[in-house]
């Protein structure tokens, strides 16, 4: 289910886990504005000390909003690199790790974001565990060239 601020109701499948990781992680970003990232973090993220994560995103949002000249929690519009592929690993039906590949067109390189998810309260939620990522949001690496990532497609051509 997609609304102006949420993506919920993901299937309890590997593709459901992948879609949850994609949609929720995007909505957690400070650029989306307070009406989007705050409920995403408070309702769709589980794990260690999400209040610290929310405080860090609030601080980054304030910095970005000041530079962009926006206020009242409005989104900060900017270019978003495309998600080009994904893979689901360690899937158990209640947990998974989703690797999302993002292409950065400005630096002509790909990055892989590894996002743990957990089936909790009837939906997939992102697991925030800063101890596992050195204090960051997610583990970020270069994609493994020998890995077969599923491509994100735009759907059937009209």
N, C-alpha and C. Protein backbone atom coordinates (compact mmCIF):
# COMPACT_ATOMS: atom_id res chain seq x y z
N UNK A 1 0.84 -1.17 0.00
CA UNK A 1 0.00 0.00 0.00
C UNK A 1 0.89 1.23 0.00
N UNK A 2 0.68 2.11 -0.95
CA UNK A 2 1.46 3.34 -1.04
C UNK A 2 0.56 4.53 -0.71
N UNK A 3 1.04 5.39 0.18
CA UNK A 3 0.37 6.65 0.48
C UNK A 3 1.39 7.76 0.28
N UNK A 4 1.00 8.97 0.58
CA UNK A 4 1.92 10.10 0.42
C UNK A 4 3.14 9.98 1.34
N UNK A 5 3.00 9.25 2.43
CA UNK A 5 4.10 9.18 3.40
C UNK A 5 4.57 7.77 3.69
N UNK A 6 3.88 6.75 3.24
CA UNK A 6 4.21 5.37 3.65
C UNK A 6 4.16 4.38 2.50
N UNK A 7 4.88 3.32 2.71
CA UNK A 7 4.78 2.10 1.91
C UNK A 7 4.68 0.97 2.91
N UNK A 8 3.58 0.22 2.89
CA UNK A 8 3.34 -0.84 3.87
C UNK A 8 2.66 -2.02 3.19
N UNK A 9 2.48 -3.08 3.97
CA UNK A 9 1.74 -4.25 3.47
C UNK A 9 2.53 -5.10 2.51
N UNK A 10 3.81 -5.26 2.78
CA UNK A 10 4.67 -6.05 1.90
C UNK A 10 4.40 -7.53 2.08
N UNK A 11 4.53 -8.28 1.00
CA UNK A 11 4.33 -9.73 1.06
C UNK A 11 5.45 -10.38 1.88
N UNK A 12 5.11 -11.45 2.54
CA UNK A 12 6.10 -12.19 3.33
C UNK A 12 6.83 -13.16 2.40
N UNK A 13 7.56 -12.57 1.47
CA UNK A 13 8.32 -13.29 0.45
C UNK A 13 9.66 -12.58 0.27
N UNK A 14 10.53 -13.17 -0.54
CA UNK A 14 11.81 -12.53 -0.81
C UNK A 14 11.61 -11.20 -1.53
N UNK A 15 10.72 -11.15 -2.52
CA UNK A 15 10.51 -9.90 -3.23
C UNK A 15 9.84 -8.87 -2.31
N UNK A 16 8.98 -9.33 -1.40
CA UNK A 16 8.39 -8.42 -0.42
C UNK A 16 9.46 -7.81 0.47
N UNK A 17 10.43 -8.62 0.90
CA UNK A 17 11.54 -8.11 1.71
C UNK A 17 12.36 -7.09 0.92
N UNK A 18 12.61 -7.38 -0.36
CA UNK A 18 13.39 -6.46 -1.20
C UNK A 18 12.65 -5.14 -1.40
N UNK A 19 11.36 -5.21 -1.67
CA UNK A 19 10.58 -3.99 -1.86
C UNK A 19 10.50 -3.18 -0.57
N UNK A 20 10.38 -3.84 0.57
CA UNK A 20 10.35 -3.13 1.85
C UNK A 20 11.68 -2.42 2.08
N UNK A 21 12.79 -3.11 1.85
CA UNK A 21 14.10 -2.48 2.04
C UNK A 21 14.25 -1.25 1.16
N UNK A 22 13.80 -1.34 -0.07
CA UNK A 22 13.89 -0.21 -0.99
C UNK A 22 12.99 0.94 -0.53
N UNK A 23 11.72 0.66 -0.38
CA UNK A 23 10.77 1.73 -0.06
C UNK A 23 11.03 2.39 1.29
N UNK A 24 11.27 1.59 2.31
CA UNK A 24 11.46 2.15 3.65
C UNK A 24 12.78 2.92 3.72
N UNK A 25 13.85 2.37 3.14
CA UNK A 25 15.14 3.07 3.21
C UNK A 25 15.08 4.41 2.52
N UNK A 26 14.38 4.51 1.41
CA UNK A 26 14.24 5.80 0.73
C UNK A 26 13.46 6.76 1.61
N UNK A 27 12.41 6.30 2.25
CA UNK A 27 11.58 7.16 3.09
C UNK A 27 12.27 7.56 4.40
N UNK A 28 13.32 6.86 4.78
CA UNK A 28 14.09 7.21 5.98
C UNK A 28 15.05 8.38 5.75
N UNK A 29 15.26 8.74 4.51
CA UNK A 29 16.26 9.77 4.18
C UNK A 29 15.77 11.15 4.58
N UNK A 30 16.67 12.00 5.07
CA UNK A 30 16.26 13.34 5.50
C UNK A 30 15.67 14.18 4.37
N UNK A 31 16.04 13.94 3.13
CA UNK A 31 15.54 14.72 2.01
C UNK A 31 14.02 14.59 1.83
N UNK A 32 13.44 13.53 2.36
CA UNK A 32 12.00 13.31 2.17
C UNK A 32 11.15 14.24 3.01
N UNK A 33 11.73 14.89 4.00
CA UNK A 33 10.99 15.80 4.86
C UNK A 33 10.46 15.09 6.09
N UNK A 34 10.15 15.88 7.11
CA UNK A 34 9.78 15.32 8.41
C UNK A 34 8.50 14.50 8.38
N UNK A 35 7.55 14.85 7.51
CA UNK A 35 6.28 14.11 7.45
C UNK A 35 6.45 12.71 6.89
N UNK A 36 7.58 12.47 6.25
CA UNK A 36 7.85 11.15 5.68
C UNK A 36 8.86 10.39 6.53
N UNK A 37 10.03 10.99 6.80
CA UNK A 37 11.06 10.20 7.46
C UNK A 37 10.76 9.91 8.93
N UNK A 38 10.09 10.81 9.62
CA UNK A 38 9.81 10.53 11.03
C UNK A 38 8.92 9.30 11.22
N UNK A 39 7.75 9.20 10.53
CA UNK A 39 6.97 7.98 10.72
C UNK A 39 7.66 6.73 10.17
N UNK A 40 8.46 6.89 9.11
CA UNK A 40 9.18 5.72 8.59
C UNK A 40 10.12 5.18 9.64
N UNK A 41 10.85 6.06 10.30
CA UNK A 41 11.82 5.62 11.30
C UNK A 41 11.11 5.12 12.56
N UNK A 42 10.11 5.84 13.04
CA UNK A 42 9.48 5.44 14.30
C UNK A 42 8.60 4.21 14.16
N UNK A 43 7.99 3.99 12.98
CA UNK A 43 7.06 2.88 12.82
C UNK A 43 7.61 1.71 12.01
N UNK A 44 8.61 1.95 11.17
CA UNK A 44 9.03 0.90 10.25
C UNK A 44 10.49 0.49 10.42
N UNK A 45 11.10 0.94 11.51
CA UNK A 45 12.47 0.56 11.82
C UNK A 45 12.47 -0.04 13.22
N UNK A 46 13.14 -1.17 13.36
CA UNK A 46 13.27 -1.82 14.66
C UNK A 46 14.76 -2.00 14.93
N UNK A 47 15.08 -2.24 16.18
CA UNK A 47 16.48 -2.50 16.52
C UNK A 47 16.98 -1.58 17.60
N UNK A 48 18.27 -1.40 17.61
CA UNK A 48 18.94 -0.67 18.67
C UNK A 48 18.77 0.83 18.53
N UNK A 49 18.23 1.44 19.52
CA UNK A 49 18.21 2.89 19.71
C UNK A 49 17.84 3.69 18.46
N UNK A 50 16.64 3.49 17.97
CA UNK A 50 16.19 4.24 16.80
C UNK A 50 16.01 5.72 17.13
N UNK A 51 15.90 6.08 18.43
CA UNK A 51 15.79 7.50 18.78
C UNK A 51 17.06 8.26 18.41
N UNK A 52 18.22 7.64 18.55
CA UNK A 52 19.47 8.29 18.13
C UNK A 52 19.50 8.46 16.61
N UNK A 53 18.99 7.46 15.92
CA UNK A 53 18.93 7.55 14.47
C UNK A 53 18.02 8.69 14.05
N UNK A 54 16.86 8.80 14.68
CA UNK A 54 15.92 9.87 14.36
C UNK A 54 16.54 11.23 14.64
N UNK A 55 17.25 11.37 15.75
CA UNK A 55 17.91 12.64 16.08
C UNK A 55 18.96 13.00 15.02
N UNK A 56 19.70 12.02 14.56
CA UNK A 56 20.71 12.28 13.52
C UNK A 56 20.06 12.71 12.21
N UNK A 57 18.95 12.07 11.85
CA UNK A 57 18.26 12.44 10.62
C UNK A 57 17.64 13.83 10.77
N UNK A 58 17.07 14.13 11.93
CA UNK A 58 16.53 15.47 12.17
C UNK A 58 17.62 16.53 11.98
N UNK A 59 18.80 16.29 12.54
CA UNK A 59 19.90 17.25 12.42
C UNK A 59 20.34 17.42 10.96
N UNK A 60 20.44 16.32 10.23
CA UNK A 60 20.82 16.39 8.82
C UNK A 60 19.74 17.10 8.01
N UNK A 61 18.47 16.83 8.33
CA UNK A 61 17.39 17.52 7.63
C UNK A 61 17.49 19.04 7.86
N UNK A 62 17.73 19.46 9.10
CA UNK A 62 17.83 20.89 9.39
C UNK A 62 18.94 21.53 8.57
N UNK A 63 20.06 20.85 8.45
CA UNK A 63 21.18 21.36 7.66
C UNK A 63 20.79 21.48 6.19
N UNK A 64 20.21 20.41 5.64
CA UNK A 64 19.82 20.41 4.22
C UNK A 64 18.73 21.44 3.94
N UNK A 65 17.75 21.55 4.84
CA UNK A 65 16.64 22.49 4.66
C UNK A 65 17.16 23.93 4.67
N UNK A 66 18.10 24.22 5.53
CA UNK A 66 18.68 25.56 5.59
C UNK A 66 19.37 25.90 4.26
N UNK A 67 20.15 24.97 3.74
CA UNK A 67 20.85 25.19 2.47
C UNK A 67 19.86 25.35 1.32
N UNK A 68 18.79 24.52 1.32
CA UNK A 68 17.80 24.55 0.24
C UNK A 68 16.77 25.66 0.40
N UNK A 69 16.72 26.27 1.59
CA UNK A 69 15.76 27.34 1.82
C UNK A 69 14.33 26.86 1.97
N UNK A 70 14.16 25.67 2.54
CA UNK A 70 12.80 25.16 2.79
C UNK A 70 12.56 25.14 4.29
N UNK A 71 11.28 25.10 4.66
CA UNK A 71 10.93 25.09 6.08
C UNK A 71 9.68 24.26 6.30
N UNK A 72 9.25 24.21 7.54
CA UNK A 72 8.03 23.50 7.94
C UNK A 72 8.06 22.01 7.59
N UNK A 73 9.24 21.42 7.59
CA UNK A 73 9.34 19.99 7.33
C UNK A 73 9.19 19.59 5.88
N UNK A 74 9.21 20.56 4.97
CA UNK A 74 9.05 20.28 3.54
C UNK A 74 10.21 19.43 3.02
N UNK A 75 9.96 18.65 1.98
CA UNK A 75 11.05 17.86 1.41
C UNK A 75 12.14 18.75 0.82
N UNK A 76 13.33 18.22 0.80
CA UNK A 76 14.46 18.89 0.16
C UNK A 76 14.65 18.19 -1.17
N UNK A 77 14.33 18.86 -2.23
CA UNK A 77 14.37 18.25 -3.56
C UNK A 77 15.82 18.16 -4.03
N UNK A 78 16.16 17.03 -4.59
CA UNK A 78 17.49 16.82 -5.11
C UNK A 78 17.51 15.61 -6.01
N UNK A 79 18.58 15.44 -6.73
CA UNK A 79 18.72 14.29 -7.62
C UNK A 79 18.89 13.02 -6.80
N UNK A 80 18.19 11.99 -7.18
CA UNK A 80 18.29 10.70 -6.51
C UNK A 80 18.92 9.70 -7.48
N UNK A 81 20.04 9.11 -7.10
CA UNK A 81 20.64 8.10 -7.99
C UNK A 81 19.69 6.91 -8.16
N UNK A 82 19.70 6.30 -9.32
CA UNK A 82 18.78 5.18 -9.55
C UNK A 82 19.22 3.89 -8.86
N UNK A 83 18.23 3.15 -8.37
CA UNK A 83 18.45 1.79 -7.89
C UNK A 83 18.45 0.90 -9.13
N UNK A 84 19.52 0.15 -9.34
CA UNK A 84 19.63 -0.61 -10.57
C UNK A 84 19.52 -2.12 -10.38
N UNK A 85 19.66 -2.61 -9.16
CA UNK A 85 19.56 -4.04 -8.95
C UNK A 85 19.45 -4.39 -7.48
N UNK A 86 19.13 -5.65 -7.22
CA UNK A 86 19.01 -6.11 -5.84
C UNK A 86 19.27 -7.60 -5.77
N UNK A 87 19.54 -8.06 -4.58
CA UNK A 87 19.56 -9.49 -4.29
C UNK A 87 19.13 -9.66 -2.84
N UNK A 88 18.50 -10.78 -2.56
CA UNK A 88 18.06 -11.11 -1.21
C UNK A 88 18.92 -12.28 -0.75
N UNK A 89 19.52 -12.11 0.41
CA UNK A 89 20.34 -13.21 0.93
C UNK A 89 19.94 -13.50 2.37
N UNK A 90 20.26 -14.68 2.80
CA UNK A 90 19.98 -15.12 4.18
C UNK A 90 18.49 -15.05 4.51
N UNK A 91 17.65 -15.32 3.54
CA UNK A 91 16.19 -15.25 3.75
C UNK A 91 15.71 -16.43 4.57
N UNK A 92 14.94 -16.15 5.64
CA UNK A 92 14.39 -17.23 6.47
C UNK A 92 12.86 -17.19 6.55
N UNK A 93 12.24 -16.18 6.01
CA UNK A 93 10.80 -15.99 6.17
C UNK A 93 10.48 -14.98 7.27
N UNK A 94 11.43 -14.80 8.20
CA UNK A 94 11.26 -13.77 9.23
C UNK A 94 12.41 -12.76 9.22
N UNK A 95 13.51 -13.09 8.57
CA UNK A 95 14.63 -12.16 8.43
C UNK A 95 15.25 -12.31 7.05
N UNK A 96 15.93 -11.28 6.62
CA UNK A 96 16.68 -11.32 5.36
C UNK A 96 17.64 -10.14 5.34
N UNK A 97 18.61 -10.23 4.47
CA UNK A 97 19.45 -9.09 4.16
C UNK A 97 19.25 -8.80 2.68
N UNK A 98 18.95 -7.55 2.38
CA UNK A 98 18.71 -7.14 1.00
C UNK A 98 19.86 -6.23 0.58
N UNK A 99 20.49 -6.59 -0.51
CA UNK A 99 21.54 -5.76 -1.09
C UNK A 99 20.92 -4.96 -2.23
N UNK A 100 20.94 -3.64 -2.10
CA UNK A 100 20.43 -2.75 -3.14
C UNK A 100 21.60 -2.10 -3.84
N UNK A 101 21.63 -2.15 -5.16
CA UNK A 101 22.69 -1.52 -5.93
C UNK A 101 22.18 -0.18 -6.45
N UNK A 102 22.95 0.86 -6.15
CA UNK A 102 22.63 2.21 -6.56
C UNK A 102 23.74 2.69 -7.49
N UNK A 103 23.35 3.27 -8.61
CA UNK A 103 24.33 3.82 -9.54
C UNK A 103 24.45 5.31 -9.30
N UNK A 104 25.65 5.75 -9.03
CA UNK A 104 25.90 7.18 -8.84
C UNK A 104 26.39 7.75 -10.17
N UNK A 105 25.51 8.47 -10.89
CA UNK A 105 25.90 8.94 -12.22
C UNK A 105 26.98 10.03 -12.18
N UNK A 106 27.14 10.70 -11.05
CA UNK A 106 28.13 11.77 -10.95
C UNK A 106 29.54 11.23 -10.80
N UNK A 107 29.66 10.06 -10.21
CA UNK A 107 30.97 9.47 -10.01
C UNK A 107 31.18 8.23 -10.87
N UNK A 108 30.16 7.88 -11.67
CA UNK A 108 30.22 6.73 -12.56
C UNK A 108 30.67 5.47 -11.83
N UNK A 109 29.98 5.20 -10.71
CA UNK A 109 30.29 3.99 -9.95
C UNK A 109 29.02 3.51 -9.26
N UNK A 110 29.02 2.24 -8.94
CA UNK A 110 27.90 1.64 -8.23
C UNK A 110 28.27 1.44 -6.77
N UNK A 111 27.26 1.50 -5.91
CA UNK A 111 27.42 1.19 -4.50
C UNK A 111 26.37 0.15 -4.12
N UNK A 112 26.72 -0.70 -3.20
CA UNK A 112 25.78 -1.71 -2.68
C UNK A 112 25.46 -1.36 -1.24
N UNK A 113 24.18 -1.18 -0.96
CA UNK A 113 23.69 -0.95 0.40
C UNK A 113 23.11 -2.26 0.90
N UNK A 114 23.64 -2.78 1.99
CA UNK A 114 23.13 -4.02 2.58
C UNK A 114 22.21 -3.65 3.73
N UNK A 115 20.94 -4.04 3.59
CA UNK A 115 19.89 -3.60 4.50
C UNK A 115 19.22 -4.82 5.14
N UNK A 116 19.38 -5.00 6.45
CA UNK A 116 18.70 -6.11 7.12
C UNK A 116 17.23 -5.76 7.36
N UNK A 117 16.37 -6.73 7.14
CA UNK A 117 14.93 -6.56 7.40
C UNK A 117 14.43 -7.71 8.27
N UNK A 118 13.34 -7.43 8.99
CA UNK A 118 12.74 -8.44 9.87
C UNK A 118 11.22 -8.35 9.75
N UNK A 119 10.57 -9.53 9.71
CA UNK A 119 9.11 -9.60 9.70
C UNK A 119 8.63 -9.41 11.14
N UNK A 120 7.99 -8.28 11.40
CA UNK A 120 7.55 -7.92 12.74
C UNK A 120 6.18 -7.26 12.66
N UNK A 121 5.26 -7.65 13.50
CA UNK A 121 3.92 -7.07 13.56
C UNK A 121 3.23 -7.07 12.19
N UNK A 122 3.40 -8.17 11.46
CA UNK A 122 2.69 -8.36 10.21
C UNK A 122 3.23 -7.64 9.00
N UNK A 123 4.48 -7.16 9.05
CA UNK A 123 5.07 -6.50 7.88
C UNK A 123 6.59 -6.53 8.01
N UNK A 124 7.27 -6.26 6.89
CA UNK A 124 8.72 -6.15 6.91
C UNK A 124 9.10 -4.80 7.48
N UNK A 125 10.15 -4.78 8.30
CA UNK A 125 10.69 -3.55 8.86
C UNK A 125 12.20 -3.61 8.75
N UNK A 126 12.80 -2.47 8.61
CA UNK A 126 14.26 -2.40 8.55
C UNK A 126 14.81 -2.54 9.97
N UNK A 127 15.89 -3.28 10.08
CA UNK A 127 16.56 -3.47 11.37
C UNK A 127 17.73 -2.50 11.43
N UNK A 128 17.68 -1.60 12.40
CA UNK A 128 18.78 -0.65 12.59
C UNK A 128 19.66 -1.18 13.70
N UNK A 129 20.89 -1.46 13.36
CA UNK A 129 21.84 -2.00 14.34
C UNK A 129 23.19 -1.31 14.13
N UNK A 130 23.36 -0.11 14.69
CA UNK A 130 24.59 0.63 14.42
C UNK A 130 25.87 -0.10 14.81
N UNK A 131 25.80 -1.00 15.77
CA UNK A 131 27.01 -1.74 16.15
C UNK A 131 27.50 -2.60 14.99
N UNK A 132 26.57 -3.08 14.16
CA UNK A 132 26.93 -3.93 13.03
C UNK A 132 27.51 -3.14 11.85
N UNK A 133 27.24 -1.83 11.81
CA UNK A 133 27.66 -1.05 10.65
C UNK A 133 28.66 0.03 11.02
N UNK A 134 29.24 -0.08 12.19
CA UNK A 134 30.20 0.93 12.60
C UNK A 134 29.56 2.27 12.92
N UNK A 135 28.26 2.26 13.25
CA UNK A 135 27.58 3.49 13.60
C UNK A 135 26.83 4.12 12.45
N UNK A 136 26.95 3.58 11.25
CA UNK A 136 26.25 4.14 10.10
C UNK A 136 24.87 3.55 9.94
N UNK A 137 24.23 3.94 8.87
CA UNK A 137 22.86 3.46 8.60
C UNK A 137 22.88 2.01 8.14
N UNK A 138 23.60 1.78 7.05
CA UNK A 138 23.68 0.45 6.45
C UNK A 138 25.13 0.22 6.04
N UNK A 139 25.47 -1.03 5.81
CA UNK A 139 26.79 -1.34 5.29
C UNK A 139 26.81 -0.97 3.81
N UNK A 140 27.81 -0.19 3.41
CA UNK A 140 27.93 0.25 2.03
C UNK A 140 29.26 -0.25 1.49
N UNK A 141 29.20 -0.96 0.36
CA UNK A 141 30.39 -1.51 -0.29
C UNK A 141 30.24 -1.36 -1.79
N UNK A 142 31.25 -1.80 -2.52
CA UNK A 142 31.13 -1.90 -3.97
C UNK A 142 30.42 -3.22 -4.28
N UNK A 143 29.56 -3.25 -5.28
CA UNK A 143 28.93 -4.52 -5.65
C UNK A 143 29.98 -5.53 -6.10
N UNK A 144 29.72 -6.79 -5.79
CA UNK A 144 30.60 -7.87 -6.20
C UNK A 144 30.33 -8.17 -7.67
N UNK A 145 31.32 -8.02 -8.55
CA UNK A 145 31.08 -8.24 -9.98
C UNK A 145 30.66 -9.66 -10.33
N UNK A 146 30.94 -10.63 -9.45
CA UNK A 146 30.55 -12.00 -9.76
C UNK A 146 29.15 -12.34 -9.24
N UNK A 147 28.47 -11.38 -8.62
CA UNK A 147 27.13 -11.61 -8.09
C UNK A 147 26.09 -11.28 -9.15
N UNK A 148 25.10 -12.14 -9.26
CA UNK A 148 24.00 -11.86 -10.16
C UNK A 148 22.91 -11.12 -9.41
N UNK A 149 22.80 -9.83 -9.65
CA UNK A 149 21.76 -9.01 -9.04
C UNK A 149 20.54 -9.03 -9.96
N UNK A 150 19.37 -9.05 -9.35
CA UNK A 150 18.13 -8.93 -10.13
C UNK A 150 18.00 -7.47 -10.54
N UNK A 151 17.69 -7.21 -11.81
CA UNK A 151 17.55 -5.80 -12.21
C UNK A 151 16.21 -5.23 -11.77
N UNK A 152 16.21 -3.95 -11.44
CA UNK A 152 14.95 -3.25 -11.25
C UNK A 152 14.49 -2.85 -12.64
N UNK A 153 13.24 -3.10 -12.95
CA UNK A 153 12.72 -2.74 -14.26
C UNK A 153 11.61 -1.73 -14.10
N UNK A 154 11.26 -1.08 -15.17
CA UNK A 154 10.20 -0.08 -15.14
C UNK A 154 8.84 -0.69 -15.39
N UNK A 155 8.78 -1.99 -15.51
CA UNK A 155 7.49 -2.65 -15.75
C UNK A 155 7.25 -2.81 -17.24
N UNK A 156 6.08 -3.33 -17.60
CA UNK A 156 5.77 -3.58 -19.01
C UNK A 156 5.72 -2.27 -19.80
N UNK A 157 6.24 -2.34 -20.99
CA UNK A 157 6.19 -1.17 -21.86
C UNK A 157 4.78 -0.98 -22.40
N UNK A 158 4.33 0.25 -22.44
CA UNK A 158 2.98 0.56 -22.91
C UNK A 158 2.99 0.74 -24.42
